[in-house]
């Protein structure tokens, strides 16, 4: 996968300058990269341990369900192992972080 494009299941994360395009089979949304990455870093800092759900920039929803995570973008929802989402978020936070 190219450095400005990461994916997990049917979800694609594409960096376009200071924006991120979040894509699913149901559609896409463009939002501020820095704001999205701040949300990702906050979840990583918390150890991906969250009661309830968190909504990041772009309406991207994250919800932990035991050892699995439900990710939602618009009407599209997909569930993944917690460690797969943590690995993706770690890559986003370290490789794509931009100066504020």
PDB file of N, CA and C in Angstrom:
ATOM      1  N   UNK A   1       0.856  -1.172   0.000  1.00  0.00           N
ATOM      2  CA  UNK A   1       0.000   0.000   0.000  1.00  0.00           C
ATOM      3  C   UNK A   1       0.901   1.233   0.000  1.00  0.00           C
ATOM      4  N   UNK A   2       0.536   2.242  -0.755  1.00  0.00           N
ATOM      5  CA  UNK A   2       1.345   3.459  -0.835  1.00  0.00           C
ATOM      6  C   UNK A   2       1.305   4.235   0.478  1.00  0.00           C
ATOM      7  N   UNK A   3       2.342   5.056   0.764  1.00  0.00           N
ATOM      8  CA  UNK A   3       2.449   5.732   2.063  1.00  0.00           C
ATOM      9  C   UNK A   3       1.305   6.692   2.378  1.00  0.00           C
ATOM     10  N   UNK A   4       0.659   7.263   1.385  1.00  0.00           N
ATOM     11  CA  UNK A   4      -0.428   8.200   1.625  1.00  0.00           C
ATOM     12  C   UNK A   4      -1.792   7.529   1.591  1.00  0.00           C
ATOM     13  N   UNK A   5      -1.792   6.213   1.649  1.00  0.00           N
ATOM     14  CA  UNK A   5      -3.051   5.462   1.574  1.00  0.00           C
ATOM     15  C   UNK A   5      -2.917   4.200   2.416  1.00  0.00           C
ATOM     16  N   UNK A   6      -3.756   4.070   3.419  1.00  0.00           N
ATOM     17  CA  UNK A   6      -3.788   2.878   4.263  1.00  0.00           C
ATOM     18  C   UNK A   6      -5.210   2.334   4.242  1.00  0.00           C
ATOM     19  N   UNK A   7      -5.358   1.049   4.495  1.00  0.00           N
ATOM     20  CA  UNK A   7      -6.703   0.476   4.508  1.00  0.00           C
ATOM     21  C   UNK A   7      -6.832  -0.592   5.585  1.00  0.00           C
ATOM     22  N   UNK A   8      -8.070  -0.835   5.942  1.00  0.00           N
ATOM     23  CA  UNK A   8      -8.420  -1.905   6.866  1.00  0.00           C
ATOM     24  C   UNK A   8      -9.802  -2.369   6.448  1.00  0.00           C
ATOM     25  N   UNK A   9      -9.880  -3.613   5.987  1.00  0.00           N
ATOM     26  CA  UNK A   9     -11.156  -4.109   5.481  1.00  0.00           C
ATOM     27  C   UNK A   9     -11.628  -3.236   4.330  1.00  0.00           C
ATOM     28  N   UNK A  10     -12.878  -2.795   4.389  1.00  0.00           N
ATOM     29  CA  UNK A  10     -13.440  -1.934   3.346  1.00  0.00           C
ATOM     30  C   UNK A  10     -13.203  -0.461   3.570  1.00  0.00           C
ATOM     31  N   UNK A  11     -12.446  -0.094   4.599  1.00  0.00           N
ATOM     32  CA  UNK A  11     -12.175   1.305   4.909  1.00  0.00           C
ATOM     33  C   UNK A  11     -10.817   1.726   4.351  1.00  0.00           C
ATOM     34  N   UNK A  12     -10.780   2.872   3.717  1.00  0.00           N
ATOM     35  CA  UNK A  12      -9.538   3.409   3.149  1.00  0.00           C
ATOM     36  C   UNK A  12      -9.297   4.783   3.753  1.00  0.00           C
ATOM     37  N   UNK A  13      -8.058   5.029   4.149  1.00  0.00           N
ATOM     38  CA  UNK A  13      -7.621   6.291   4.734  1.00  0.00           C
ATOM     39  C   UNK A  13      -6.595   6.877   3.768  1.00  0.00           C
ATOM     40  N   UNK A  14      -6.919   8.007   3.168  1.00  0.00           N
ATOM     41  CA  UNK A  14      -6.048   8.579   2.151  1.00  0.00           C
ATOM     42  C   UNK A  14      -5.650  10.002   2.538  1.00  0.00           C
ATOM     43  N   UNK A  15      -4.354  10.210   2.642  1.00  0.00           N
ATOM     44  CA  UNK A  15      -3.826  11.534   2.986  1.00  0.00           C
ATOM     45  C   UNK A  15      -3.700  12.371   1.723  1.00  0.00           C
ATOM     46  N   UNK A  16      -4.278  13.581   1.790  1.00  0.00           N
ATOM     47  CA  UNK A  16      -4.174  14.525   0.676  1.00  0.00           C
ATOM     48  C   UNK A  16      -3.765  15.872   1.256  1.00  0.00           C
ATOM     49  N   UNK A  17      -2.459  16.086   1.373  1.00  0.00           N
ATOM     50  CA  UNK A  17      -1.941  17.310   1.971  1.00  0.00           C
ATOM     51  C   UNK A  17      -2.324  17.379   3.441  1.00  0.00           C
ATOM     52  N   UNK A  18      -3.047  18.424   3.833  1.00  0.00           N
ATOM     53  CA  UNK A  18      -3.468  18.583   5.225  1.00  0.00           C
ATOM     54  C   UNK A  18      -4.883  18.079   5.455  1.00  0.00           C
ATOM     55  N   UNK A  19      -5.365  17.264   4.530  1.00  0.00           N
ATOM     56  CA  UNK A  19      -6.693  16.657   4.631  1.00  0.00           C
ATOM     57  C   UNK A  19      -6.555  15.141   4.633  1.00  0.00           C
ATOM     58  N   UNK A  20      -7.567  14.484   5.166  1.00  0.00           N
ATOM     59  CA  UNK A  20      -7.658  13.034   5.067  1.00  0.00           C
ATOM     60  C   UNK A  20      -9.007  12.709   4.439  1.00  0.00           C
ATOM     61  N   UNK A  21      -8.985  11.791   3.485  1.00  0.00           N
ATOM     62  CA  UNK A  21     -10.216  11.312   2.872  1.00  0.00           C
ATOM     63  C   UNK A  21     -10.477   9.936   3.444  1.00  0.00           C
ATOM     64  N   UNK A  22     -11.628   9.778   4.075  1.00  0.00           N
ATOM     65  CA  UNK A  22     -12.056   8.503   4.635  1.00  0.00           C
ATOM     66  C   UNK A  22     -13.044   7.897   3.654  1.00  0.00           C
ATOM     67  N   UNK A  23     -12.764   6.681   3.193  1.00  0.00           N
ATOM     68  CA  UNK A  23     -13.621   6.038   2.188  1.00  0.00           C
ATOM     69  C   UNK A  23     -14.142   4.703   2.705  1.00  0.00           C
ATOM     70  N   UNK A  24     -15.370   4.402   2.298  1.00  0.00           N
ATOM     71  CA  UNK A  24     -15.968   3.099   2.556  1.00  0.00           C
ATOM     72  C   UNK A  24     -16.745   2.714   1.302  1.00  0.00           C
ATOM     73  N   UNK A  25     -17.242   1.477   1.225  1.00  0.00           N
ATOM     74  CA  UNK A  25     -18.070   1.104   0.083  1.00  0.00           C
ATOM     75  C   UNK A  25     -19.351   1.949  -0.036  1.00  0.00           C
ATOM     76  N   UNK A  26     -19.716   2.666   1.031  1.00  0.00           N
ATOM     77  CA  UNK A  26     -20.931   3.491   1.045  1.00  0.00           C
ATOM     78  C   UNK A  26     -20.675   4.942   0.649  1.00  0.00           C
ATOM     79  N   UNK A  27     -19.404   5.366   0.567  1.00  0.00           N
ATOM     80  CA  UNK A  27     -19.116   6.751   0.231  1.00  0.00           C
ATOM     81  C   UNK A  27     -17.836   7.224   0.875  1.00  0.00           C
ATOM     82  N   UNK A  28     -17.620   8.547   0.843  1.00  0.00           N
ATOM     83  CA  UNK A  28     -16.387   9.095   1.401  1.00  0.00           C
ATOM     84  C   UNK A  28     -16.662  10.461   2.021  1.00  0.00           C
ATOM     85  N   UNK A  29     -15.714  10.882   2.871  1.00  0.00           N
ATOM     86  CA  UNK A  29     -15.766  12.186   3.509  1.00  0.00           C
ATOM     87  C   UNK A  29     -14.336  12.709   3.614  1.00  0.00           C
ATOM     88  N   UNK A  30     -14.180  14.015   3.430  1.00  0.00           N
ATOM     89  CA  UNK A  30     -12.869  14.663   3.560  1.00  0.00           C
ATOM     90  C   UNK A  30     -12.903  15.534   4.809  1.00  0.00           C
ATOM     91  N   UNK A  31     -11.834  15.456   5.608  1.00  0.00           N
ATOM     92  CA  UNK A  31     -11.779  16.235   6.843  1.00  0.00           C
ATOM     93  C   UNK A  31     -10.341  16.638   7.147  1.00  0.00           C
ATOM     94  N   UNK A  32     -10.182  17.473   8.140  1.00  0.00           N
ATOM     95  CA  UNK A  32      -8.876  17.970   8.561  1.00  0.00           C
ATOM     96  C   UNK A  32      -8.014  16.834   9.112  1.00  0.00           C
ATOM     97  N   UNK A  33      -6.836  16.645   8.535  1.00  0.00           N
ATOM     98  CA  UNK A  33      -5.936  15.562   8.944  1.00  0.00           C
ATOM     99  C   UNK A  33      -5.476  15.730  10.387  1.00  0.00           C
ATOM    100  N   UNK A  34      -5.055  16.929  10.755  1.00  0.00           N
ATOM    101  CA  UNK A  34      -4.531  17.150  12.100  1.00  0.00           C
ATOM    102  C   UNK A  34      -5.586  16.844  13.163  1.00  0.00           C
ATOM    103  N   UNK A  35      -6.806  17.313  12.965  1.00  0.00           N
ATOM    104  CA  UNK A  35      -7.875  17.031  13.926  1.00  0.00           C
ATOM    105  C   UNK A  35      -8.168  15.545  14.036  1.00  0.00           C
ATOM    106  N   UNK A  36      -8.184  14.852  12.903  1.00  0.00           N
ATOM    107  CA  UNK A  36      -8.425  13.405  12.904  1.00  0.00           C
ATOM    108  C   UNK A  36      -7.313  12.688  13.657  1.00  0.00           C
ATOM    109  N   UNK A  37      -6.059  13.072  13.380  1.00  0.00           N
ATOM    110  CA  UNK A  37      -4.929  12.418  14.037  1.00  0.00           C
ATOM    111  C   UNK A  37      -4.880  12.708  15.530  1.00  0.00           C
ATOM    112  N   UNK A  38      -5.316  13.883  15.941  1.00  0.00           N
ATOM    113  CA  UNK A  38      -5.397  14.155  17.386  1.00  0.00           C
ATOM    114  C   UNK A  38      -6.350  13.172  18.059  1.00  0.00           C
ATOM    115  N   UNK A  39      -7.479  12.894  17.432  1.00  0.00           N
ATOM    116  CA  UNK A  39      -8.423  11.915  17.976  1.00  0.00           C
ATOM    117  C   UNK A  39      -7.820  10.518  18.033  1.00  0.00           C
ATOM    118  N   UNK A  40      -7.113  10.137  16.976  1.00  0.00           N
ATOM    119  CA  UNK A  40      -6.452   8.824  16.926  1.00  0.00           C
ATOM    120  C   UNK A  40      -5.412   8.728  18.044  1.00  0.00           C
ATOM    121  N   UNK A  41      -4.594   9.771  18.199  1.00  0.00           N
ATOM    122  CA  UNK A  41      -3.562   9.754  19.243  1.00  0.00           C
ATOM    123  C   UNK A  41      -4.183   9.695  20.641  1.00  0.00           C
ATOM    124  N   UNK A  42      -5.303  10.368  20.825  1.00  0.00           N
ATOM    125  CA  UNK A  42      -5.983  10.313  22.122  1.00  0.00           C
ATOM    126  C   UNK A  42      -6.439   8.885  22.430  1.00  0.00           C
ATOM    127  N   UNK A  43      -7.009   8.212  21.448  1.00  0.00           N
ATOM    128  CA  UNK A  43      -7.434   6.822  21.651  1.00  0.00           C
ATOM    129  C   UNK A  43      -6.241   5.931  21.961  1.00  0.00           C
ATOM    130  N   UNK A  44      -5.125   6.137  21.283  1.00  0.00           N
ATOM    131  CA  UNK A  44      -3.921   5.344  21.557  1.00  0.00           C
ATOM    132  C   UNK A  44      -3.405   5.619  22.962  1.00  0.00           C
ATOM    133  N   UNK A  45      -3.428   6.880  23.385  1.00  0.00           N
ATOM    134  CA  UNK A  45      -2.976   7.256  24.726  1.00  0.00           C
ATOM    135  C   UNK A  45      -3.830   6.576  25.793  1.00  0.00           C
ATOM    136  N   UNK A  46      -5.112   6.455  25.509  1.00  0.00           N
ATOM    137  CA  UNK A  46      -6.032   5.799  26.450  1.00  0.00           C
ATOM    138  C   UNK A  46      -5.904   4.278  26.409  1.00  0.00           C
ATOM    139  N   UNK A  47      -5.030   3.764  25.566  1.00  0.00           N
ATOM    140  CA  UNK A  47      -4.863   2.323  25.452  1.00  0.00           C
ATOM    141  C   UNK A  47      -6.001   1.662  24.701  1.00  0.00           C
ATOM    142  N   UNK A  48      -6.701   2.447  23.871  1.00  0.00           N
ATOM    143  CA  UNK A  48      -7.838   1.956  23.083  1.00  0.00           C
ATOM    144  C   UNK A  48      -8.937   1.422  23.993  1.00  0.00           C
ATOM    145  N   UNK A  49      -8.914   1.825  25.251  1.00  0.00           N
ATOM    146  CA  UNK A  49      -9.894   1.364  26.239  1.00  0.00           C
ATOM    147  C   UNK A  49     -10.911   2.487  26.438  1.00  0.00           C
ATOM    148  N   UNK A  50     -12.080   2.302  25.914  1.00  0.00           N
ATOM    149  CA  UNK A  50     -13.078   3.363  25.917  1.00  0.00           C
ATOM    150  C   UNK A  50     -14.442   2.771  26.198  1.00  0.00           C
ATOM    151  N   UNK A  51     -15.152   3.369  27.140  1.00  0.00           N
ATOM    152  CA  UNK A  51     -16.542   2.988  27.362  1.00  0.00           C
ATOM    153  C   UNK A  51     -17.391   3.796  26.426  1.00  0.00           C
ATOM    154  N   UNK A  52     -18.302   3.152  25.744  1.00  0.00           N
ATOM    155  CA  UNK A  52     -19.125   3.873  24.780  1.00  0.00           C
ATOM    156  C   UNK A  52     -18.382   4.013  23.468  1.00  0.00           C
ATOM    157  N   UNK A  53     -18.685   5.097  22.769  1.00  0.00           N
ATOM    158  CA  UNK A  53     -18.035   5.287  21.485  1.00  0.00           C
ATOM    159  C   UNK A  53     -17.477   6.686  21.370  1.00  0.00           C
ATOM    160  N   UNK A  54     -16.530   6.835  20.465  1.00  0.00           N
ATOM    161  CA  UNK A  54     -15.911   8.131  20.193  1.00  0.00           C
ATOM    162  C   UNK A  54     -16.146   8.452  18.724  1.00  0.00           C
ATOM    163  N   UNK A  55     -16.442   9.722  18.473  1.00  0.00           N
ATOM    164  CA  UNK A  55     -16.587  10.177  17.091  1.00  0.00           C
ATOM    165  C   UNK A  55     -15.434  11.110  16.770  1.00  0.00           C
ATOM    166  N   UNK A  56     -14.636  10.720  15.789  1.00  0.00           N
ATOM    167  CA  UNK A  56     -13.509  11.525  15.356  1.00  0.00           C
ATOM    168  C   UNK A  56     -13.952  12.451  14.233  1.00  0.00           C
ATOM    169  N   UNK A  57     -13.065  13.352  13.818  1.00  0.00           N
ATOM    170  CA  UNK A  57     -13.366  14.247  12.696  1.00  0.00           C
ATOM    171  C   UNK A  57     -13.890  13.449  11.515  1.00  0.00           C
ATOM    172  N   UNK A  58     -14.795  14.034  10.782  1.00  0.00           N
ATOM    173  CA  UNK A  58     -15.354  13.383   9.609  1.00  0.00           C
ATOM    174  C   UNK A  58     -16.499  12.442   9.924  1.00  0.00           C
ATOM    175  N   UNK A  59     -16.913  12.394  11.198  1.00  0.00           N
ATOM    176  CA  UNK A  59     -18.004  11.492  11.573  1.00  0.00           C
ATOM    177  C   UNK A  59     -17.585  10.040  11.661  1.00  0.00           C
ATOM    178  N   UNK A  60     -16.290   9.794  11.781  1.00  0.00           N
ATOM    179  CA  UNK A  60     -15.748   8.431  11.888  1.00  0.00           C
ATOM    180  C   UNK A  60     -15.940   7.957  13.329  1.00  0.00           C
ATOM    181  N   UNK A  61     -16.681   6.867  13.508  1.00  0.00           N
ATOM    182  CA  UNK A  61     -17.053   6.393  14.846  1.00  0.00           C
ATOM    183  C   UNK A  61     -16.247   5.154  15.210  1.00  0.00           C
ATOM    184  N   UNK A  62     -15.757   5.153  16.442  1.00  0.00           N
ATOM    185  CA  UNK A  62     -14.921   4.089  17.009  1.00  0.00           C
ATOM    186  C   UNK A  62     -15.626   3.569  18.259  1.00  0.00           C
ATOM    187  N   UNK A  63     -15.841   2.249  18.362  1.00  0.00           N
ATOM    188  CA  UNK A  63     -16.469   1.672  19.554  1.00  0.00           C
ATOM    189  C   UNK A  63     -15.821   0.336  19.880  1.00  0.00           C
ATOM    190  N   UNK A  64     -15.277   0.233  21.091  1.00  0.00           N
ATOM    191  CA  UNK A  64     -14.662  -1.016  21.550  1.00  0.00           C
ATOM    192  C   UNK A  64     -15.764  -1.940  22.052  1.00  0.00           C
ATOM    193  N   UNK A  65     -15.676  -3.193  21.630  1.00  0.00           N
ATOM    194  CA  UNK A  65     -16.609  -4.230  22.068  1.00  0.00           C
ATOM    195  C   UNK A  65     -15.772  -5.442  22.475  1.00  0.00           C
ATOM    196  N   UNK A  66     -15.255  -5.406  23.710  1.00  0.00           N
ATOM    197  CA  UNK A  66     -14.366  -6.480  24.181  1.00  0.00           C
ATOM    198  C   UNK A  66     -13.042  -6.410  23.450  1.00  0.00           C
ATOM    199  N   UNK A  67     -12.673  -7.479  22.769  1.00  0.00           N
ATOM    200  CA  UNK A  67     -11.414  -7.534  22.022  1.00  0.00           C
ATOM    201  C   UNK A  67     -11.611  -7.152  20.557  1.00  0.00           C
ATOM    202  N   UNK A  68     -12.767  -6.583  20.248  1.00  0.00           N
ATOM    203  CA  UNK A  68     -13.063  -6.173  18.879  1.00  0.00           C
ATOM    204  C   UNK A  68     -13.445  -4.695  18.871  1.00  0.00           C
ATOM    205  N   UNK A  69     -13.284  -4.070  17.722  1.00  0.00           N
ATOM    206  CA  UNK A  69     -13.610  -2.657  17.562  1.00  0.00           C
ATOM    207  C   UNK A  69     -14.551  -2.514  16.374  1.00  0.00           C
ATOM    208  N   UNK A  70     -15.613  -1.765  16.594  1.00  0.00           N
ATOM    209  CA  UNK A  70     -16.542  -1.453  15.504  1.00  0.00           C
ATOM    210  C   UNK A  70     -16.186  -0.069  14.981  1.00  0.00           C
ATOM    211  N   UNK A  71     -15.906   0.013  13.687  1.00  0.00           N
ATOM    212  CA  UNK A  71     -15.628   1.279  13.029  1.00  0.00           C
ATOM    213  C   UNK A  71     -16.792   1.589  12.101  1.00  0.00           C
ATOM    214  N   UNK A  72     -17.215   2.855  12.114  1.00  0.00           N
ATOM    215  CA  UNK A  72     -18.386   3.242  11.335  1.00  0.00           C
ATOM    216  C   UNK A  72     -18.097   4.545  10.613  1.00  0.00           C
ATOM    217  N   UNK A  73     -18.447   4.589   9.351  1.00  0.00           N
ATOM    218  CA  UNK A  73     -18.353   5.798   8.542  1.00  0.00           C
ATOM    219  C   UNK A  73     -19.651   5.911   7.757  1.00  0.00           C
ATOM    220  N   UNK A  74     -20.462   6.883   8.129  1.00  0.00           N
ATOM    221  CA  UNK A  74     -21.785   6.993   7.508  1.00  0.00           C
ATOM    222  C   UNK A  74     -22.618   5.777   7.860  1.00  0.00           C
ATOM    223  N   UNK A  75     -23.179   5.136   6.857  1.00  0.00           N
ATOM    224  CA  UNK A  75     -23.990   3.931   7.100  1.00  0.00           C
ATOM    225  C   UNK A  75     -23.165   2.647   7.118  1.00  0.00           C
ATOM    226  N   UNK A  76     -21.896   2.751   6.749  1.00  0.00           N
ATOM    227  CA  UNK A  76     -21.039   1.564   6.660  1.00  0.00           C
ATOM    228  C   UNK A  76     -20.411   1.248   8.008  1.00  0.00           C
ATOM    229  N   UNK A  77     -20.528   0.005   8.436  1.00  0.00           N
ATOM    230  CA  UNK A  77     -19.944  -0.456   9.701  1.00  0.00           C
ATOM    231  C   UNK A  77     -19.175  -1.743   9.452  1.00  0.00           C
ATOM    232  N   UNK A  78     -18.020  -1.844  10.090  1.00  0.00           N
ATOM    233  CA  UNK A  78     -17.228  -3.068  10.012  1.00  0.00           C
ATOM    234  C   UNK A  78     -16.538  -3.272  11.356  1.00  0.00           C
ATOM    235  N   UNK A  79     -16.380  -4.539  11.757  1.00  0.00           N
ATOM    236  CA  UNK A  79     -15.777  -4.877  13.040  1.00  0.00           C
ATOM    237  C   UNK A  79     -14.454  -5.607  12.809  1.00  0.00           C
ATOM    238  N   UNK A  80     -13.450  -5.234  13.631  1.00  0.00           N
ATOM    239  CA  UNK A  80     -12.096  -5.774  13.482  1.00  0.00           C
ATOM    240  C   UNK A  80     -11.535  -6.166  14.834  1.00  0.00           C
ATOM    241  N   UNK A  81     -10.506  -7.029  14.846  1.00  0.00           N
ATOM    242  CA  UNK A  81      -9.788  -7.289  16.092  1.00  0.00           C
ATOM    243  C   UNK A  81      -9.145  -5.995  16.599  1.00  0.00           C
ATOM    244  N   UNK A  82      -9.165  -5.799  17.898  1.00  0.00           N
ATOM    245  CA  UNK A  82      -8.608  -4.609  18.523  1.00  0.00           C
ATOM    246  C   UNK A  82      -7.160  -4.365  18.101  1.00  0.00           C
ATOM    247  N   UNK A  83      -6.349  -5.422  18.038  1.00  0.00           N
ATOM    248  CA  UNK A  83      -4.937  -5.241  17.702  1.00  0.00           C
ATOM    249  C   UNK A  83      -4.739  -4.744  16.263  1.00  0.00           C
ATOM    250  N   UNK A  84      -5.646  -5.102  15.347  1.00  0.00           N
ATOM    251  CA  UNK A  84      -5.542  -4.617  13.967  1.00  0.00           C
ATOM    252  C   UNK A  84      -5.827  -3.116  13.890  1.00  0.00           C
ATOM    253  N   UNK A  85      -6.840  -2.669  14.621  1.00  0.00           N
ATOM    254  CA  UNK A  85      -7.172  -1.243  14.639  1.00  0.00           C
ATOM    255  C   UNK A  85      -6.060  -0.460  15.333  1.00  0.00           C
ATOM    256  N   UNK A  86      -5.532  -0.998  16.436  1.00  0.00           N
ATOM    257  CA  UNK A  86      -4.437  -0.325  17.148  1.00  0.00           C
ATOM    258  C   UNK A  86      -3.215  -0.177  16.242  1.00  0.00           C
ATOM    259  N   UNK A  87      -2.893  -1.203  15.458  1.00  0.00           N
ATOM    260  CA  UNK A  87      -1.743  -1.138  14.549  1.00  0.00           C
ATOM    261  C   UNK A  87      -1.962  -0.082  13.466  1.00  0.00           C
ATOM    262  N   UNK A  88      -3.165  -0.024  12.905  1.00  0.00           N
ATOM    263  CA  UNK A  88      -3.478   0.989  11.902  1.00  0.00           C
ATOM    264  C   UNK A  88      -3.381   2.389  12.501  1.00  0.00           C
ATOM    265  N   UNK A  89      -3.989   2.598  13.664  1.00  0.00           N
ATOM    266  CA  UNK A  89      -3.966   3.901  14.311  1.00  0.00           C
ATOM    267  C   UNK A  89      -2.543   4.319  14.654  1.00  0.00           C
ATOM    268  N   UNK A  90      -1.711   3.363  15.072  1.00  0.00           N
ATOM    269  CA  UNK A  90      -0.313   3.678  15.383  1.00  0.00           C
ATOM    270  C   UNK A  90       0.421   4.156  14.136  1.00  0.00           C
ATOM    271  N   UNK A  91       0.179   3.502  13.014  1.00  0.00           N
ATOM    272  CA  UNK A  91       0.798   3.940  11.751  1.00  0.00           C
ATOM    273  C   UNK A  91       0.324   5.334  11.368  1.00  0.00           C
ATOM    274  N   UNK A  92      -0.977   5.578  11.480  1.00  0.00           N
ATOM    275  CA  UNK A  92      -1.514   6.903  11.164  1.00  0.00           C
ATOM    276  C   UNK A  92      -0.863   7.969  12.045  1.00  0.00           C
ATOM    277  N   UNK A  93      -0.783   7.700  13.333  1.00  0.00           N
ATOM    278  CA  UNK A  93      -0.275   8.685  14.297  1.00  0.00           C
ATOM    279  C   UNK A  93       1.213   8.960  14.119  1.00  0.00           C
ATOM    280  N   UNK A  94       1.990   7.957  13.756  1.00  0.00           N
ATOM    281  CA  UNK A  94       3.436   8.163  13.651  1.00  0.00           C
ATOM    282  C   UNK A  94       3.870   8.582  12.247  1.00  0.00           C
ATOM    283  N   UNK A  95       3.263   8.032  11.225  1.00  0.00           N
ATOM    284  CA  UNK A  95       3.703   8.306   9.863  1.00  0.00           C
ATOM    285  C   UNK A  95       3.045   9.541   9.241  1.00  0.00           C
ATOM    286  N   UNK A  96       1.847   9.898   9.706  1.00  0.00           N
ATOM    287  CA  UNK A  96       1.108  10.980   9.061  1.00  0.00           C
ATOM    288  C   UNK A  96       1.010  12.236   9.898  1.00  0.00           C
ATOM    289  N   UNK A  97       1.534  12.245  11.107  1.00  0.00           N
ATOM    290  CA  UNK A  97       1.398  13.423  11.950  1.00  0.00           C
ATOM    291  C   UNK A  97       2.056  14.618  11.289  1.00  0.00           C
ATOM    292  N   UNK A  98       1.348  15.729  11.247  1.00  0.00           N
ATOM    293  CA  UNK A  98       1.871  16.957  10.668  1.00  0.00           C
ATOM    294  C   UNK A  98       2.028  17.997  11.762  1.00  0.00           C
ATOM    295  N   UNK A  99       2.864  18.972  11.539  1.00  0.00           N
ATOM    296  CA  UNK A  99       3.032  20.038  12.519  1.00  0.00           C
ATOM    297  C   UNK A  99       1.754  20.852  12.626  1.00  0.00           C
ATOM    298  N   UNK A 100       1.335  21.200  13.867  1.00  0.00           N
ATOM    299  CA  UNK A 100       0.116  21.993  14.016  1.00  0.00           C
ATOM    300  C   UNK A 100       0.245  23.384  13.449  1.00  0.00           C
TER     301      UNK A 100
END
